[in-house]
N, C-alpha and C. Protein backbone atom coordinates (compact mmCIF):
# COMPACT_ATOMS: atom_id res chain seq x y z
N MET A 1 38.37 49.87 23.43
CA MET A 1 37.57 50.29 24.11
C MET A 1 37.12 49.31 25.19
N SER A 2 37.66 49.52 26.53
CA SER A 2 37.11 48.74 27.56
C SER A 2 35.76 48.98 27.81
N VAL A 3 35.05 48.15 28.76
CA VAL A 3 33.85 48.46 29.15
C VAL A 3 33.90 48.15 30.61
N LYS A 4 33.35 48.97 31.64
CA LYS A 4 33.92 48.08 33.19
C LYS A 4 32.49 48.75 33.79
N VAL A 5 32.08 47.57 34.91
CA VAL A 5 30.97 47.90 35.53
C VAL A 5 31.48 48.87 37.15
N ASP A 6 30.73 50.11 37.35
CA ASP A 6 31.21 50.94 38.16
C ASP A 6 30.38 50.69 39.27
N PRO A 7 31.14 50.06 40.53
CA PRO A 7 30.17 49.32 41.42
C PRO A 7 29.59 50.35 42.12
N VAL A 8 30.22 51.74 41.98
CA VAL A 8 29.76 52.84 43.43
C VAL A 8 28.71 53.28 42.42
N TYR A 9 28.46 53.20 41.52
CA TYR A 9 27.37 54.37 40.44
C TYR A 9 26.59 53.71 40.16
N GLY A 10 26.87 52.41 39.96
CA GLY A 10 25.83 51.49 39.18
C GLY A 10 25.98 51.81 37.49
N ALA A 11 26.97 51.77 36.99
CA ALA A 11 26.86 52.39 35.73
C ALA A 11 27.97 51.65 34.63
N LEU A 12 27.64 51.73 33.51
CA LEU A 12 28.76 51.09 32.50
C LEU A 12 29.32 52.24 32.40
N ARG A 13 30.80 52.22 32.55
CA ARG A 13 31.79 53.17 31.81
C ARG A 13 32.00 53.25 30.66
N ALA A 14 31.65 53.69 29.28
CA ALA A 14 32.67 53.52 28.33
C ALA A 14 33.69 54.26 27.76
N GLY A 15 34.16 55.26 29.01
CA GLY A 15 35.28 56.07 28.99
C GLY A 15 35.39 57.24 29.23
N PRO A 16 36.02 58.07 29.53
CA PRO A 16 36.11 59.62 30.50
C PRO A 16 34.53 60.63 30.12
N GLY A 17 34.23 60.94 30.84
CA GLY A 17 32.55 61.31 30.82
C GLY A 17 31.62 60.67 30.32
N ARG A 18 31.41 59.42 30.12
CA ARG A 18 30.38 58.63 29.85
C ARG A 18 30.32 57.81 30.55
N ALA A 19 29.09 57.35 30.62
CA ALA A 19 28.59 56.34 31.75
C ALA A 19 26.78 56.40 31.45
N VAL A 20 26.83 55.05 31.42
CA VAL A 20 25.31 54.68 30.96
C VAL A 20 24.33 53.76 32.31
N PRO A 21 23.81 54.79 33.01
CA PRO A 21 23.18 53.80 34.21
C PRO A 21 22.29 52.18 34.18
N PHE A 22 22.63 51.53 34.61
CA PHE A 22 22.05 50.19 34.63
C PHE A 22 21.91 49.87 36.01
N ALA A 23 20.86 48.98 35.96
CA ALA A 23 20.14 47.87 37.31
C ALA A 23 20.41 46.53 36.88
N ALA A 24 20.53 45.65 37.67
CA ALA A 24 20.46 44.21 37.28
C ALA A 24 18.81 43.91 37.53
N ALA A 25 18.47 43.15 36.83
CA ALA A 25 17.05 42.88 36.52
C ALA A 25 16.79 41.81 37.73
N PRO A 26 15.51 41.67 38.26
CA PRO A 26 15.44 40.81 39.47
C PRO A 26 15.63 39.52 38.95
N LEU A 27 15.75 38.45 39.78
CA LEU A 27 16.24 37.08 39.61
C LEU A 27 15.04 36.66 39.31
N ASP A 28 13.56 37.16 39.64
CA ASP A 28 12.49 36.24 38.93
C ASP A 28 12.26 36.63 37.69
N ASP A 29 12.44 38.04 37.37
CA ASP A 29 12.05 38.48 36.22
C ASP A 29 12.99 37.55 34.91
N LEU A 30 14.27 37.28 35.34
CA LEU A 30 15.24 36.45 34.45
C LEU A 30 14.94 34.72 34.33
N ALA A 31 14.41 34.49 35.42
CA ALA A 31 13.80 33.24 35.39
C ALA A 31 12.47 32.90 34.69
N ALA A 32 11.88 34.13 34.41
CA ALA A 32 10.41 34.09 33.64
C ALA A 32 10.67 34.15 32.36
N LEU A 33 11.77 35.20 31.99
CA LEU A 33 12.60 35.50 30.45
C LEU A 33 13.23 34.03 30.08
N LYS A 34 13.94 33.60 30.96
CA LYS A 34 14.09 31.91 30.73
C LYS A 34 13.51 31.01 30.14
N ALA A 35 12.58 30.93 30.80
CA ALA A 35 11.40 30.14 30.60
C ALA A 35 10.33 30.14 29.71
N ALA A 36 10.45 31.82 28.68
CA ALA A 36 9.81 32.17 27.61
C ALA A 36 10.28 31.91 26.57
N MET A 37 11.79 31.69 26.92
CA MET A 37 12.51 31.16 25.31
C MET A 37 12.26 30.24 24.70
N PRO A 38 12.22 30.22 23.67
CA PRO A 38 11.89 28.85 22.76
C PRO A 38 13.28 28.00 23.02
N VAL A 39 13.28 26.30 22.85
CA VAL A 39 14.13 25.79 22.84
C VAL A 39 13.92 24.58 22.12
N PRO A 40 14.86 24.06 21.73
CA PRO A 40 14.69 22.82 20.64
C PRO A 40 13.85 21.50 21.08
N SER A 41 13.19 21.00 20.06
CA SER A 41 11.90 19.96 20.53
C SER A 41 12.62 18.60 20.16
N ALA A 42 12.34 17.41 21.36
CA ALA A 42 12.93 16.27 20.65
C ALA A 42 11.79 15.63 20.22
N GLU A 43 10.74 16.26 19.93
CA GLU A 43 9.33 15.48 19.21
C GLU A 43 9.66 15.30 17.78
N THR A 44 9.59 14.55 17.19
CA THR A 44 9.62 14.35 15.47
C THR A 44 8.58 15.25 14.86
N PRO A 45 8.78 15.79 14.13
CA PRO A 45 7.93 16.40 13.29
C PRO A 45 6.96 15.51 12.50
N MET A 46 5.51 16.24 13.02
CA MET A 46 4.28 15.40 12.44
C MET A 46 4.39 15.61 10.63
N PRO A 47 3.69 14.42 10.29
CA PRO A 47 3.43 14.14 8.60
C PRO A 47 2.44 15.38 8.35
N GLU A 48 2.30 15.82 6.89
CA GLU A 48 1.56 16.87 6.32
C GLU A 48 0.22 16.26 6.86
N ALA A 49 -0.94 17.16 6.65
CA ALA A 49 -2.24 16.88 7.30
C ALA A 49 -3.35 17.42 5.77
N VAL A 50 -4.64 16.98 5.45
CA VAL A 50 -5.23 17.55 4.43
C VAL A 50 -5.24 19.07 5.28
N GLY A 51 -5.53 20.55 4.87
CA GLY A 51 -5.64 21.16 5.24
C GLY A 51 -4.74 22.16 6.54
N GLY A 52 -3.75 21.09 6.77
CA GLY A 52 -2.64 21.84 7.24
C GLY A 52 -3.05 21.56 8.79
N ALA A 53 -2.20 22.26 9.40
CA ALA A 53 -2.51 23.25 11.10
C ALA A 53 -1.32 23.89 11.73
N ALA A 54 -1.92 24.98 12.27
CA ALA A 54 -0.98 25.83 12.96
C ALA A 54 -0.32 25.18 14.26
N GLY A 55 0.79 25.35 14.61
CA GLY A 55 1.34 24.97 15.56
C GLY A 55 1.04 25.58 16.86
N ILE A 56 0.96 25.08 18.03
CA ILE A 56 0.43 25.45 19.47
C ILE A 56 1.36 25.34 20.45
N GLU A 57 2.45 24.92 20.52
CA GLU A 57 3.68 24.99 20.92
C GLU A 57 4.52 26.22 21.02
N GLY A 58 4.30 27.41 22.00
CA GLY A 58 5.05 28.78 21.24
C GLY A 58 6.35 28.26 22.05
N THR A 59 6.55 27.64 22.89
CA THR A 59 8.60 27.70 23.51
C THR A 59 9.12 26.46 23.23
N LYS A 60 8.79 25.95 21.69
CA LYS A 60 9.93 25.02 21.48
C LYS A 60 9.78 24.94 19.90
N VAL A 61 10.82 24.92 19.31
CA VAL A 61 11.12 25.09 17.89
C VAL A 61 11.90 23.59 17.73
N SER A 62 11.77 23.13 16.01
CA SER A 62 12.38 22.27 15.32
C SER A 62 14.03 22.55 15.51
N GLY A 63 14.59 21.84 15.59
CA GLY A 63 16.05 21.20 15.83
C GLY A 63 16.74 21.18 13.99
N ALA A 64 18.03 21.69 14.00
CA ALA A 64 18.53 21.44 12.94
C ALA A 64 18.49 20.18 12.52
N GLY A 65 18.67 20.05 11.18
CA GLY A 65 18.56 18.27 10.71
C GLY A 65 17.60 17.35 11.08
N HIS A 66 16.43 18.45 11.25
CA HIS A 66 14.66 17.53 11.73
C HIS A 66 14.18 17.21 10.47
N GLN A 67 14.05 15.33 10.56
CA GLN A 67 13.23 15.32 9.54
C GLN A 67 11.84 14.96 9.51
N HIS A 68 11.03 15.17 8.70
CA HIS A 68 9.47 14.69 8.79
C HIS A 68 9.09 13.38 8.12
N PRO A 69 8.19 12.86 8.91
CA PRO A 69 7.99 11.59 8.65
C PRO A 69 7.40 11.19 7.03
N ARG A 70 8.22 10.08 6.10
CA ARG A 70 7.76 10.32 4.73
C ARG A 70 6.54 9.16 4.70
N LEU A 71 5.68 9.74 3.91
CA LEU A 71 4.48 9.56 3.39
C LEU A 71 4.28 8.49 2.31
N THR A 72 5.50 8.63 1.17
CA THR A 72 5.45 7.98 0.40
C THR A 72 6.59 6.59 0.06
N SER A 73 6.39 5.67 -0.55
CA SER A 73 7.48 4.79 -0.96
C SER A 73 7.72 5.02 -2.50
N THR A 74 8.64 4.95 -2.80
CA THR A 74 9.12 5.45 -4.29
C THR A 74 10.23 3.78 -4.46
N THR A 75 9.76 3.16 -5.35
CA THR A 75 10.73 1.86 -5.71
C THR A 75 11.10 1.50 -7.08
N GLY A 76 12.14 0.89 -7.39
CA GLY A 76 12.53 0.10 -8.71
C GLY A 76 13.41 -0.42 -9.22
N PRO A 77 13.22 -0.87 -10.40
CA PRO A 77 14.69 -1.64 -10.49
C PRO A 77 16.04 -1.57 -9.77
N LYS A 78 16.53 -2.40 -9.26
CA LYS A 78 18.12 -2.30 -8.77
C LYS A 78 19.11 -3.51 -9.59
N SER A 79 20.12 -2.49 -9.19
CA SER A 79 21.25 -3.04 -10.43
C SER A 79 22.07 -4.09 -9.72
N ALA A 80 21.61 -4.31 -8.45
CA ALA A 80 22.19 -5.18 -7.54
C ALA A 80 21.28 -6.50 -7.65
N ASP A 81 20.04 -6.30 -7.93
CA ASP A 81 18.95 -7.47 -7.97
C ASP A 81 18.48 -7.53 -9.01
N PRO A 82 19.13 -8.10 -10.13
CA PRO A 82 18.08 -7.96 -11.67
C PRO A 82 16.66 -8.55 -11.52
N THR A 83 16.08 -9.03 -10.27
CA THR A 83 14.83 -9.37 -10.38
C THR A 83 14.10 -8.46 -9.58
N SER A 84 14.34 -7.61 -8.80
CA SER A 84 13.82 -6.73 -8.64
C SER A 84 12.68 -5.46 -9.39
N HIS A 85 11.40 -5.30 -8.98
CA HIS A 85 10.56 -4.74 -10.16
C HIS A 85 11.12 -5.06 -11.30
N VAL A 86 10.67 -6.50 -11.70
CA VAL A 86 10.86 -6.88 -13.59
C VAL A 86 10.11 -8.00 -12.99
N ILE A 87 8.71 -8.25 -14.26
CA ILE A 87 7.95 -8.97 -14.14
C ILE A 87 8.84 -10.36 -15.07
N ALA A 88 8.32 -11.57 -13.93
CA ALA A 88 8.84 -12.82 -14.33
C ALA A 88 8.11 -13.51 -15.14
N ALA A 89 8.43 -14.66 -15.41
CA ALA A 89 7.77 -15.26 -16.67
C ALA A 89 6.46 -15.63 -16.16
N SER A 90 6.32 -16.06 -14.95
CA SER A 90 5.05 -15.79 -14.24
C SER A 90 4.02 -15.01 -14.64
N GLY A 91 4.30 -13.80 -15.05
CA GLY A 91 3.61 -12.55 -15.33
C GLY A 91 3.38 -11.84 -14.21
N LEU A 92 4.26 -12.24 -13.11
CA LEU A 92 4.25 -11.52 -11.55
C LEU A 92 5.77 -10.90 -11.05
N ALA A 93 5.58 -10.08 -9.88
CA ALA A 93 6.51 -9.19 -9.52
C ALA A 93 6.30 -8.83 -8.15
N THR A 94 7.01 -9.18 -7.32
CA THR A 94 6.90 -8.73 -5.92
C THR A 94 7.18 -7.30 -5.20
N VAL A 95 6.52 -6.43 -4.41
CA VAL A 95 7.24 -5.06 -4.57
C VAL A 95 7.14 -4.98 -3.25
N THR A 96 7.91 -4.71 -2.68
CA THR A 96 8.45 -4.70 -0.87
C THR A 96 8.72 -2.81 -0.70
N PHE A 97 7.63 -2.06 -0.15
CA PHE A 97 7.51 -0.50 -0.02
C PHE A 97 8.75 -0.16 1.28
N THR A 98 9.01 0.81 1.13
CA THR A 98 10.30 1.47 1.84
C THR A 98 9.65 1.83 3.12
N ARG A 99 8.34 1.62 3.43
CA ARG A 99 7.56 1.97 4.46
C ARG A 99 6.29 1.21 4.85
N THR A 100 5.60 1.38 6.00
CA THR A 100 4.47 0.41 5.93
C THR A 100 3.16 1.51 5.90
N PHE A 101 2.12 0.83 5.79
CA PHE A 101 1.10 1.66 5.63
C PHE A 101 0.05 1.11 6.41
N ASP A 102 -0.68 1.64 7.17
CA ASP A 102 -2.03 1.27 7.82
C ASP A 102 -3.04 0.82 7.35
N LEU A 103 -3.43 1.61 5.83
CA LEU A 103 -4.37 1.32 5.07
C LEU A 103 -3.67 0.72 3.73
N PRO A 104 -4.35 0.39 2.81
CA PRO A 104 -3.88 -0.14 1.19
C PRO A 104 -3.51 1.70 0.86
N PRO A 105 -2.29 1.36 0.35
CA PRO A 105 -1.87 3.07 -0.28
C PRO A 105 -2.40 2.95 -1.71
N GLY A 106 -2.43 4.30 -1.95
CA GLY A 106 -2.32 4.41 -3.64
C GLY A 106 -1.49 3.92 -4.44
N LEU A 107 -1.63 3.39 -5.65
CA LEU A 107 -0.35 2.87 -5.93
C LEU A 107 -0.28 3.47 -7.34
N VAL A 108 0.81 3.90 -8.30
CA VAL A 108 1.29 4.26 -9.54
C VAL A 108 2.48 3.24 -9.95
N PHE A 109 2.02 2.82 -10.98
CA PHE A 109 3.09 1.67 -12.17
C PHE A 109 3.94 2.62 -13.11
N CYS A 110 4.61 2.55 -13.41
CA CYS A 110 5.06 3.36 -14.58
C CYS A 110 6.32 2.34 -15.32
N GLU A 111 6.04 1.60 -16.55
CA GLU A 111 7.30 0.98 -17.11
C GLU A 111 8.23 1.97 -17.36
N VAL A 112 9.60 1.35 -17.17
CA VAL A 112 10.75 2.00 -17.79
C VAL A 112 11.68 1.30 -18.37
N PRO A 113 12.37 1.45 -19.01
CA PRO A 113 13.83 0.59 -19.89
C PRO A 113 13.93 -0.40 -19.03
N PRO A 114 14.60 -1.58 -19.38
CA PRO A 114 15.13 -2.71 -18.73
C PRO A 114 16.86 -2.56 -18.80
N ALA A 115 17.25 -3.25 -18.49
CA ALA A 115 18.75 -2.73 -17.91
C ALA A 115 19.31 -3.40 -19.43
N THR A 116 18.86 -4.22 -20.25
CA THR A 116 19.44 -4.95 -21.32
C THR A 116 18.23 -4.55 -22.45
N GLY A 117 18.75 -4.47 -23.60
CA GLY A 117 17.75 -4.25 -24.83
C GLY A 117 17.34 -2.41 -24.98
N SER A 118 15.67 -2.71 -25.11
CA SER A 118 15.19 -1.78 -25.45
C SER A 118 13.97 -1.70 -25.29
N MET A 119 13.14 -0.38 -25.20
CA MET A 119 11.74 -0.39 -24.98
C MET A 119 10.82 -1.56 -26.06
N PRO A 120 9.84 -2.05 -25.56
CA PRO A 120 9.16 -2.80 -26.63
C PRO A 120 8.17 -1.78 -27.09
N ALA A 121 7.40 -2.03 -28.33
CA ALA A 121 6.56 -1.07 -29.06
C ALA A 121 5.29 -0.83 -28.29
N GLN A 122 5.12 -2.21 -27.83
CA GLN A 122 3.54 -2.23 -27.23
C GLN A 122 3.75 -1.83 -25.93
N PRO A 123 2.61 -0.92 -25.25
CA PRO A 123 2.92 -0.63 -23.45
C PRO A 123 2.82 -1.73 -22.85
N ALA A 124 2.87 -1.47 -21.79
CA ALA A 124 2.67 -2.60 -20.65
C ALA A 124 1.40 -1.98 -19.89
N THR A 125 0.60 -2.91 -18.83
CA THR A 125 -0.10 -2.25 -17.80
C THR A 125 -0.26 -3.25 -16.43
N PHE A 126 -0.32 -2.86 -15.72
CA PHE A 126 -0.39 -3.45 -14.19
C PHE A 126 -1.44 -3.27 -13.33
N ARG A 127 -1.38 -4.00 -12.40
CA ARG A 127 -2.49 -3.94 -11.22
C ARG A 127 -1.69 -4.85 -10.17
N VAL A 128 -2.36 -4.34 -8.95
CA VAL A 128 -2.23 -5.17 -7.85
C VAL A 128 -2.73 -6.47 -7.74
N GLU A 129 -2.21 -7.81 -7.76
CA GLU A 129 -2.78 -9.27 -7.53
C GLU A 129 -3.02 -9.45 -6.25
N SER A 130 -2.48 -8.94 -4.85
CA SER A 130 -2.74 -9.09 -3.53
C SER A 130 -1.68 -8.45 -2.92
N TRP A 131 -2.09 -7.92 -1.60
CA TRP A 131 -1.36 -7.34 -0.98
C TRP A 131 -0.19 -8.40 0.06
N VAL A 132 1.00 -7.52 0.38
CA VAL A 132 1.68 -8.52 1.81
C VAL A 132 1.32 -7.55 2.90
N ARG A 133 1.28 -8.43 3.77
CA ARG A 133 0.91 -8.00 5.34
C ARG A 133 1.97 -8.27 5.77
N GLU A 134 2.06 -7.67 7.14
CA GLU A 134 3.16 -8.01 8.51
C GLU A 134 2.82 -9.85 8.35
N VAL A 135 1.75 -9.97 8.77
CA VAL A 135 1.56 -11.28 9.31
C VAL A 135 0.50 -11.89 8.15
N MET A 136 1.05 -12.88 7.26
CA MET A 136 0.62 -13.72 6.27
C MET A 136 -0.53 -14.49 6.27
N THR A 137 0.04 -15.68 7.45
CA THR A 137 -0.65 -16.53 7.75
C THR A 137 -0.84 -16.84 9.12
N PRO A 138 -1.75 -17.43 9.73
CA PRO A 138 -2.74 -18.38 8.49
C PRO A 138 -3.84 -17.14 7.99
N THR A 139 -4.01 -15.98 8.59
CA THR A 139 -4.85 -14.99 7.98
C THR A 139 -4.04 -13.72 7.56
N PRO A 140 -4.01 -13.27 6.72
CA PRO A 140 -3.28 -11.81 6.52
C PRO A 140 -3.83 -10.79 7.46
N SER A 141 -2.69 -9.85 8.11
CA SER A 141 -3.35 -9.22 8.81
C SER A 141 -2.07 -8.16 9.38
N GLY A 142 -2.11 -7.34 9.92
CA GLY A 142 -1.02 -6.27 10.32
C GLY A 142 -0.90 -5.17 8.80
N LYS A 143 0.26 -4.11 9.09
CA LYS A 143 -0.20 -3.49 8.04
C LYS A 143 0.54 -3.39 6.89
N TYR A 144 0.60 -3.11 6.34
CA TYR A 144 0.77 -3.43 4.24
C TYR A 144 2.19 -3.06 4.09
N ILE A 145 3.20 -4.18 3.67
CA ILE A 145 4.29 -3.88 3.85
C ILE A 145 5.04 -4.06 1.84
N GLY A 146 4.03 -4.62 1.33
CA GLY A 146 4.34 -4.89 0.04
C GLY A 146 2.96 -5.27 -0.74
N CYS A 147 3.26 -5.82 -2.29
CA CYS A 147 2.07 -6.08 -2.87
C CYS A 147 2.84 -6.89 -4.08
N VAL A 148 1.97 -7.55 -4.23
CA VAL A 148 2.02 -8.67 -6.17
C VAL A 148 1.54 -8.04 -7.24
N VAL A 149 2.48 -7.74 -7.87
CA VAL A 149 1.98 -6.79 -9.28
C VAL A 149 1.90 -7.87 -10.29
N ARG A 150 1.07 -8.07 -10.90
CA ARG A 150 0.69 -8.55 -12.35
C ARG A 150 0.80 -7.66 -13.60
N GLY A 151 1.41 -8.32 -14.62
CA GLY A 151 2.04 -7.32 -15.61
C GLY A 151 1.44 -7.78 -17.06
N TRP A 152 0.88 -7.18 -17.73
CA TRP A 152 0.23 -7.41 -19.30
C TRP A 152 0.81 -6.60 -20.03
N ARG A 153 0.96 -7.12 -21.54
CA ARG A 153 1.29 -6.17 -22.71
C ARG A 153 0.57 -6.29 -23.80
N SER A 154 0.62 -5.10 -24.19
CA SER A 154 -0.60 -5.18 -25.38
C SER A 154 -0.22 -5.81 -26.78
N GLN A 155 -1.06 -6.18 -27.59
CA GLN A 155 -0.76 -6.74 -28.30
C GLN A 155 -1.15 -6.07 -30.14
N ALA A 156 -0.84 -6.21 -30.98
CA ALA A 156 -2.12 -5.75 -32.44
C ALA A 156 -2.93 -7.05 -32.54
N LEU A 157 -3.89 -6.26 -33.52
CA LEU A 157 -5.29 -6.80 -33.67
C LEU A 157 -4.60 -7.87 -34.84
N PRO A 158 -5.27 -9.10 -35.01
CA PRO A 158 -4.55 -9.68 -36.26
C PRO A 158 -4.63 -9.50 -37.43
N THR A 159 -3.59 -9.21 -38.14
CA THR A 159 -3.46 -8.94 -39.59
C THR A 159 -4.14 -9.62 -40.62
N LEU A 160 -4.76 -8.77 -41.48
CA LEU A 160 -5.71 -9.61 -42.62
C LEU A 160 -4.71 -10.03 -43.54
N ASN A 161 -4.40 -11.59 -43.87
CA ASN A 161 -3.55 -11.34 -45.06
C ASN A 161 -4.01 -11.84 -46.40
N ALA A 162 -3.57 -11.97 -47.34
CA ALA A 162 -4.42 -12.23 -48.55
C ALA A 162 -5.21 -13.18 -48.95
N LEU A 163 -4.99 -13.92 -48.17
CA LEU A 163 -6.35 -15.29 -47.54
C LEU A 163 -7.60 -15.09 -47.48
N SER A 164 -7.08 -14.44 -46.14
CA SER A 164 -8.33 -13.64 -45.66
C SER A 164 -9.17 -12.66 -46.56
N LEU A 165 -8.41 -11.84 -47.41
CA LEU A 165 -8.94 -10.99 -48.38
C LEU A 165 -9.96 -11.60 -49.46
N THR A 166 -8.98 -12.40 -49.99
CA THR A 166 -10.04 -13.33 -51.11
C THR A 166 -10.84 -14.03 -50.50
N ALA A 167 -11.20 -14.19 -49.21
CA ALA A 167 -12.27 -14.98 -48.99
C ALA A 167 -13.04 -13.92 -48.96
N ILE A 168 -13.14 -12.72 -48.38
CA ILE A 168 -14.11 -11.56 -48.33
C ILE A 168 -14.53 -11.58 -50.02
N LEU A 169 -13.62 -11.61 -50.73
CA LEU A 169 -14.16 -11.26 -52.26
C LEU A 169 -14.68 -12.74 -52.69
N THR A 170 -14.64 -13.44 -52.44
CA THR A 170 -15.35 -14.66 -52.70
C THR A 170 -16.96 -15.30 -52.36
N ALA A 171 -16.69 -14.81 -50.86
CA ALA A 171 -17.73 -15.37 -50.33
C ALA A 171 -17.88 -14.15 -49.39
N VAL A 172 -18.93 -13.31 -49.27
CA VAL A 172 -18.96 -12.17 -48.25
C VAL A 172 -19.18 -13.30 -46.80
N VAL A 173 -19.88 -13.90 -46.54
CA VAL A 173 -20.51 -14.69 -45.59
C VAL A 173 -19.05 -15.25 -44.69
N SER A 174 -18.71 -15.91 -45.72
CA SER A 174 -17.46 -16.71 -45.27
C SER A 174 -16.28 -15.82 -44.99
N GLY A 175 -15.87 -14.84 -45.61
CA GLY A 175 -14.87 -13.87 -44.70
C GLY A 175 -15.73 -13.03 -43.91
N VAL A 176 -16.64 -12.86 -43.73
CA VAL A 176 -16.82 -12.06 -42.39
C VAL A 176 -16.86 -12.83 -41.24
N ASN A 177 -17.34 -14.31 -41.26
CA ASN A 177 -17.23 -15.38 -40.36
C ASN A 177 -16.06 -15.62 -40.20
N GLY A 178 -14.55 -15.52 -41.22
CA GLY A 178 -13.31 -15.64 -40.51
C GLY A 178 -12.70 -14.59 -39.32
N ILE A 179 -13.78 -13.66 -39.84
CA ILE A 179 -12.81 -11.82 -38.97
C ILE A 179 -13.68 -12.25 -37.70
N VAL A 180 -14.62 -12.65 -37.69
CA VAL A 180 -15.41 -12.56 -36.49
C VAL A 180 -14.77 -13.59 -35.46
N SER A 181 -14.37 -14.97 -36.15
CA SER A 181 -13.82 -15.84 -35.44
C SER A 181 -12.20 -15.90 -35.40
N ALA A 182 -11.59 -14.79 -35.93
CA ALA A 182 -10.26 -14.44 -35.42
C ALA A 182 -10.42 -13.31 -34.58
N LEU A 183 -11.56 -12.55 -34.48
CA LEU A 183 -11.56 -11.58 -33.22
C LEU A 183 -12.17 -11.91 -31.86
N THR A 184 -13.27 -12.91 -31.93
CA THR A 184 -13.89 -13.54 -30.81
C THR A 184 -13.07 -13.89 -30.07
N GLY A 185 -12.65 -13.44 -28.75
CA GLY A 185 -12.26 -13.84 -27.44
C GLY A 185 -10.77 -13.50 -27.48
N TYR A 186 -10.20 -12.69 -28.66
CA TYR A 186 -9.09 -12.10 -28.96
C TYR A 186 -8.70 -11.44 -27.62
N ASN A 187 -7.44 -11.27 -26.59
CA ASN A 187 -6.85 -10.44 -25.58
C ASN A 187 -5.72 -9.58 -26.49
N VAL A 188 -6.21 -8.42 -26.47
CA VAL A 188 -5.65 -7.31 -26.84
C VAL A 188 -4.19 -6.99 -25.65
N PHE A 189 -4.66 -7.57 -24.34
CA PHE A 189 -3.30 -7.55 -23.25
C PHE A 189 -2.93 -9.47 -23.60
N GLY A 190 -2.61 -10.20 -24.24
CA GLY A 190 -2.35 -11.13 -24.09
C GLY A 190 -0.77 -11.48 -24.41
N ALA A 191 -0.29 -10.17 -24.86
CA ALA A 191 1.40 -10.71 -25.09
C ALA A 191 2.12 -10.44 -23.63
N SER A 192 3.11 -11.52 -23.92
CA SER A 192 4.10 -11.41 -22.39
C SER A 192 4.39 -10.34 -21.90
N ALA A 193 4.51 -10.12 -20.80
CA ALA A 193 5.39 -9.33 -20.02
C ALA A 193 6.41 -9.18 -19.35
N SER A 194 6.78 -10.90 -19.70
CA SER A 194 7.92 -11.18 -19.01
C SER A 194 9.17 -10.45 -19.53
N GLY A 195 9.91 -9.78 -18.15
CA GLY A 195 11.14 -9.01 -18.59
C GLY A 195 10.96 -7.42 -18.36
N THR A 196 9.53 -7.12 -18.09
CA THR A 196 9.19 -5.65 -18.30
C THR A 196 9.81 -4.94 -16.76
N ALA A 197 10.54 -3.92 -17.05
CA ALA A 197 10.65 -3.85 -15.64
C ALA A 197 9.94 -2.21 -15.43
N PHE A 198 9.79 -2.02 -14.04
CA PHE A 198 8.78 -0.63 -13.74
C PHE A 198 9.52 -0.21 -12.86
N THR A 199 8.81 1.13 -12.39
CA THR A 199 8.68 1.85 -10.85
C THR A 199 7.22 1.76 -10.15
N CYS A 200 7.50 1.72 -9.02
CA CYS A 200 5.84 1.54 -8.16
C CYS A 200 6.45 2.95 -7.09
N ILE A 201 5.03 4.00 -7.13
CA ILE A 201 5.24 4.88 -6.37
C ILE A 201 3.76 4.53 -5.24
N ALA A 202 3.74 4.01 -3.83
CA ALA A 202 3.23 4.06 -2.94
C ALA A 202 2.77 5.06 -2.00
N VAL A 203 1.54 5.43 -1.76
CA VAL A 203 1.18 6.90 -1.23
C VAL A 203 0.26 6.68 0.16
N ALA A 204 0.47 7.38 1.01
CA ALA A 204 -0.40 7.02 2.12
C ALA A 204 -1.60 7.90 1.91
N ARG A 205 -2.95 7.08 2.36
CA ARG A 205 -4.23 7.63 1.91
C ARG A 205 -4.41 8.75 2.67
N SER A 206 -4.82 9.77 2.15
CA SER A 206 -5.50 10.92 2.79
C SER A 206 -7.03 10.80 3.65
N ASP A 207 -7.92 9.56 3.51
CA ASP A 207 -9.28 9.79 3.69
C ASP A 207 -9.22 8.85 4.61
N ALA A 208 -8.07 8.63 5.78
CA ALA A 208 -8.15 7.77 7.04
C ALA A 208 -7.69 8.87 8.29
């Protein structure tokens, strides 16, 4: 079914005996309508914020394929780099974030199975030994791009052997002194963490 414009009567004719009157909108109205229509925005979407925020731009919309800025950096061992995220013999490992941070980020470390072998029975613990900044010398400055991690592994308390028990039974004072001597200065995290693989999650702070 064809539809044509009747230039005489100003109507859309859909067939014999059927016509819908129409009038072209003024050019000013068409321009106003076009200006009010939303258009794709070329701006990068803003990152999340505490409490959120309502959009105030009513004439722009996010285009297809838009991406919000990443707030976190999640890294871990890499098969192409056996030393990545693995505690070295020095007890240290260097982590490079996948994004920069204006302030020291919040960090979470988690031990994961090594590439070879099995998980040790005793758990490991980690801490940030120092930060890696954009400029390290002469004075560290700029954004935070990584950190140096130190790892420890816990170890069991000294085992009381037959000789220790005999000492307790034969001389109480001597036996107690022996136990105290064995425990004094004992480091429960003194086992080597060398070879420990881990993941690192760094999150941008929300108090800045």
